């Protein structure tokens, strides 16, 4: 059973860029293009989730810092 390694934001972005380049070249057969598009869509969603999480973390830290400064 293969272990699925969690990719970093940078690794995910790099893979998405690879997929975009492959699709833009237009050399892949239809089935492969569809599979690449599907993978790219999933990666895009994952990147948005990662960015949302990072933004929430920064917001939380900022609120905590403001609250500590008021005390």
N, C-alpha and C. Protein backbone atom coordinates (compact mmCIF):
# COMPACT_ATOMS: atom_id res chain seq x y z
N UNK A 1 0.85 -1.18 0.00
CA UNK A 1 0.00 0.00 0.00
C UNK A 1 0.89 1.23 0.00
N UNK A 2 0.68 2.10 -0.96
CA UNK A 2 1.50 3.30 -1.10
C UNK A 2 1.08 4.35 -0.07
N UNK A 3 2.07 5.02 0.48
CA UNK A 3 1.81 6.09 1.42
C UNK A 3 1.73 7.40 0.65
N UNK A 4 0.67 8.15 0.89
CA UNK A 4 0.50 9.42 0.20
C UNK A 4 1.16 10.52 1.02
N UNK A 5 2.23 11.09 0.48
CA UNK A 5 2.97 12.13 1.18
C UNK A 5 2.26 13.47 0.96
N UNK A 6 2.10 14.22 2.03
CA UNK A 6 1.48 15.53 1.94
C UNK A 6 2.47 16.50 1.29
N UNK A 7 2.03 17.12 0.21
CA UNK A 7 2.89 18.06 -0.50
C UNK A 7 2.78 19.44 0.13
N UNK A 8 3.89 20.16 0.10
CA UNK A 8 3.89 21.54 0.59
C UNK A 8 3.17 22.43 -0.42
N UNK A 9 2.92 23.66 -0.03
CA UNK A 9 2.29 24.62 -0.93
C UNK A 9 3.14 24.78 -2.19
N UNK A 10 4.44 24.91 -1.98
CA UNK A 10 5.35 25.12 -3.11
C UNK A 10 5.39 23.92 -4.05
N UNK A 11 5.38 22.72 -3.48
CA UNK A 11 5.38 21.51 -4.30
C UNK A 11 4.07 21.39 -5.08
N UNK A 12 2.98 21.71 -4.43
CA UNK A 12 1.68 21.66 -5.08
C UNK A 12 1.61 22.66 -6.23
N UNK A 13 2.11 23.87 -5.99
CA UNK A 13 2.11 24.89 -7.03
C UNK A 13 2.99 24.47 -8.20
N UNK A 14 4.15 23.89 -7.90
CA UNK A 14 5.06 23.44 -8.96
C UNK A 14 4.40 22.36 -9.81
N UNK A 15 3.70 21.43 -9.17
CA UNK A 15 3.01 20.37 -9.92
C UNK A 15 1.91 20.97 -10.79
N UNK A 16 1.17 21.93 -10.26
CA UNK A 16 0.12 22.57 -11.05
C UNK A 16 0.72 23.29 -12.25
N UNK A 17 1.85 23.94 -12.06
CA UNK A 17 2.52 24.62 -13.18
C UNK A 17 2.96 23.63 -14.25
N UNK A 18 3.44 22.44 -13.81
CA UNK A 18 3.82 21.39 -14.76
C UNK A 18 2.61 20.96 -15.60
N UNK A 19 1.49 20.78 -14.91
CA UNK A 19 0.27 20.35 -15.59
C UNK A 19 -0.17 21.39 -16.61
N UNK A 20 -0.15 22.65 -16.21
CA UNK A 20 -0.55 23.73 -17.12
C UNK A 20 0.34 23.73 -18.36
N UNK A 21 1.64 23.58 -18.16
CA UNK A 21 2.56 23.55 -19.30
C UNK A 21 2.24 22.38 -20.23
N UNK A 22 1.98 21.21 -19.66
CA UNK A 22 1.66 20.05 -20.48
C UNK A 22 0.38 20.27 -21.27
N UNK A 23 -0.62 20.85 -20.63
CA UNK A 23 -1.88 21.10 -21.32
C UNK A 23 -1.73 22.17 -22.39
N UNK A 24 -0.93 23.19 -22.11
CA UNK A 24 -0.73 24.26 -23.09
C UNK A 24 0.01 23.76 -24.33
N UNK A 25 0.88 22.76 -24.17
CA UNK A 25 1.59 22.21 -25.31
C UNK A 25 0.63 21.51 -26.27
N UNK A 26 -0.42 20.95 -25.73
CA UNK A 26 -1.44 20.32 -26.56
C UNK A 26 -1.03 19.01 -27.20
N UNK A 27 0.03 18.37 -26.70
CA UNK A 27 0.52 17.13 -27.29
C UNK A 27 -0.08 15.87 -26.67
N UNK A 28 -0.72 16.01 -25.53
CA UNK A 28 -1.23 14.84 -24.82
C UNK A 28 -2.52 14.33 -25.47
N UNK A 29 -2.72 13.02 -25.48
CA UNK A 29 -3.98 12.48 -25.97
C UNK A 29 -5.15 12.96 -25.10
N UNK A 30 -6.34 12.87 -25.63
CA UNK A 30 -7.53 13.39 -24.94
C UNK A 30 -7.67 12.83 -23.52
N UNK A 31 -7.56 11.50 -23.37
CA UNK A 31 -7.74 10.90 -22.05
C UNK A 31 -6.72 11.43 -21.05
N UNK A 32 -5.47 11.58 -21.49
CA UNK A 32 -4.44 12.10 -20.60
C UNK A 32 -4.71 13.57 -20.28
N UNK A 33 -5.17 14.32 -21.27
CA UNK A 33 -5.49 15.74 -21.04
C UNK A 33 -6.59 15.89 -20.00
N UNK A 34 -7.60 15.03 -20.11
CA UNK A 34 -8.71 15.07 -19.15
C UNK A 34 -8.20 14.72 -17.75
N UNK A 35 -7.35 13.70 -17.67
CA UNK A 35 -6.78 13.31 -16.37
C UNK A 35 -5.93 14.43 -15.79
N UNK A 36 -5.14 15.07 -16.62
CA UNK A 36 -4.31 16.19 -16.16
C UNK A 36 -5.18 17.35 -15.69
N UNK A 37 -6.23 17.63 -16.45
CA UNK A 37 -7.14 18.72 -16.07
C UNK A 37 -7.79 18.41 -14.72
N UNK A 38 -8.20 17.17 -14.53
CA UNK A 38 -8.81 16.77 -13.25
C UNK A 38 -7.81 16.93 -12.10
N UNK A 39 -6.59 16.46 -12.31
CA UNK A 39 -5.56 16.61 -11.27
C UNK A 39 -5.29 18.08 -10.99
N UNK A 40 -5.20 18.88 -12.03
CA UNK A 40 -4.96 20.31 -11.88
C UNK A 40 -6.07 21.00 -11.11
N UNK A 41 -7.30 20.61 -11.38
CA UNK A 41 -8.44 21.18 -10.67
C UNK A 41 -8.38 20.85 -9.19
N UNK A 42 -8.05 19.60 -8.88
CA UNK A 42 -7.92 19.19 -7.47
C UNK A 42 -6.79 19.94 -6.78
N UNK A 43 -5.67 20.11 -7.49
CA UNK A 43 -4.54 20.84 -6.91
C UNK A 43 -4.91 22.30 -6.67
N UNK A 44 -5.66 22.88 -7.59
CA UNK A 44 -6.09 24.27 -7.43
C UNK A 44 -6.95 24.44 -6.19
N UNK A 45 -7.87 23.50 -5.99
CA UNK A 45 -8.72 23.54 -4.80
C UNK A 45 -7.86 23.41 -3.55
N UNK A 46 -6.90 22.49 -3.58
CA UNK A 46 -6.02 22.29 -2.42
C UNK A 46 -5.20 23.55 -2.12
N UNK A 47 -4.71 24.21 -3.17
CA UNK A 47 -3.95 25.45 -2.98
C UNK A 47 -4.82 26.53 -2.33
N UNK A 48 -6.06 26.64 -2.78
CA UNK A 48 -6.96 27.63 -2.18
C UNK A 48 -7.22 27.31 -0.71
N UNK A 49 -7.38 26.02 -0.40
CA UNK A 49 -7.58 25.62 1.00
C UNK A 49 -6.36 25.97 1.84
N UNK A 50 -5.17 25.73 1.29
CA UNK A 50 -3.94 26.03 2.02
C UNK A 50 -3.83 27.54 2.26
N UNK A 51 -4.14 28.33 1.26
CA UNK A 51 -4.09 29.79 1.41
C UNK A 51 -5.12 30.28 2.42
N UNK A 52 -6.32 29.72 2.37
CA UNK A 52 -7.35 30.11 3.33
C UNK A 52 -6.90 29.79 4.76
N UNK A 53 -6.31 28.61 4.94
CA UNK A 53 -5.84 28.22 6.27
C UNK A 53 -4.74 29.17 6.76
N UNK A 54 -3.82 29.50 5.86
CA UNK A 54 -2.73 30.42 6.24
C UNK A 54 -3.31 31.79 6.61
N UNK A 55 -4.28 32.26 5.84
CA UNK A 55 -4.90 33.55 6.13
C UNK A 55 -5.60 33.52 7.49
N UNK A 56 -6.31 32.44 7.79
CA UNK A 56 -6.98 32.32 9.08
C UNK A 56 -5.98 32.31 10.22
N UNK A 57 -4.85 31.64 10.02
CA UNK A 57 -3.81 31.59 11.04
C UNK A 57 -3.26 32.98 11.31
N UNK A 58 -2.98 33.73 10.25
CA UNK A 58 -2.45 35.09 10.40
C UNK A 58 -3.48 35.98 11.09
N UNK A 59 -4.74 35.86 10.72
CA UNK A 59 -5.79 36.66 11.36
C UNK A 59 -5.87 36.36 12.85
N UNK A 60 -5.81 35.08 13.20
CA UNK A 60 -5.87 34.68 14.60
C UNK A 60 -4.69 35.25 15.37
N UNK A 61 -3.51 35.14 14.78
CA UNK A 61 -2.32 35.67 15.45
C UNK A 61 -2.41 37.18 15.62
N UNK A 62 -2.93 37.87 14.62
CA UNK A 62 -3.07 39.32 14.71
C UNK A 62 -4.06 39.72 15.80
N UNK A 63 -5.17 39.01 15.87
CA UNK A 63 -6.18 39.31 16.90
C UNK A 63 -5.60 39.06 18.29
N UNK A 64 -4.87 37.95 18.45
CA UNK A 64 -4.26 37.64 19.74
C UNK A 64 -3.23 38.70 20.13
N UNK A 65 -2.45 39.15 19.17
CA UNK A 65 -1.45 40.18 19.44
C UNK A 65 -2.11 41.48 19.85
N UNK A 66 -3.22 41.83 19.18
CA UNK A 66 -3.95 43.05 19.54
C UNK A 66 -4.53 42.95 20.94
N UNK A 67 -5.09 41.78 21.27
CA UNK A 67 -5.68 41.57 22.59
C UNK A 67 -4.62 41.63 23.69
N UNK A 68 -3.45 41.07 23.41
CA UNK A 68 -2.36 41.11 24.38
C UNK A 68 -1.84 42.53 24.56
N UNK A 69 -1.88 43.30 23.51
CA UNK A 69 -1.43 44.69 23.59
C UNK A 69 -2.38 45.58 24.38
N UNK A 70 -3.65 45.20 24.44
CA UNK A 70 -4.64 45.98 25.17
C UNK A 70 -4.58 45.72 26.66
N UNK A 71 -3.99 44.61 27.06
CA UNK A 71 -3.96 44.24 28.48
C UNK A 71 -2.81 44.85 29.21
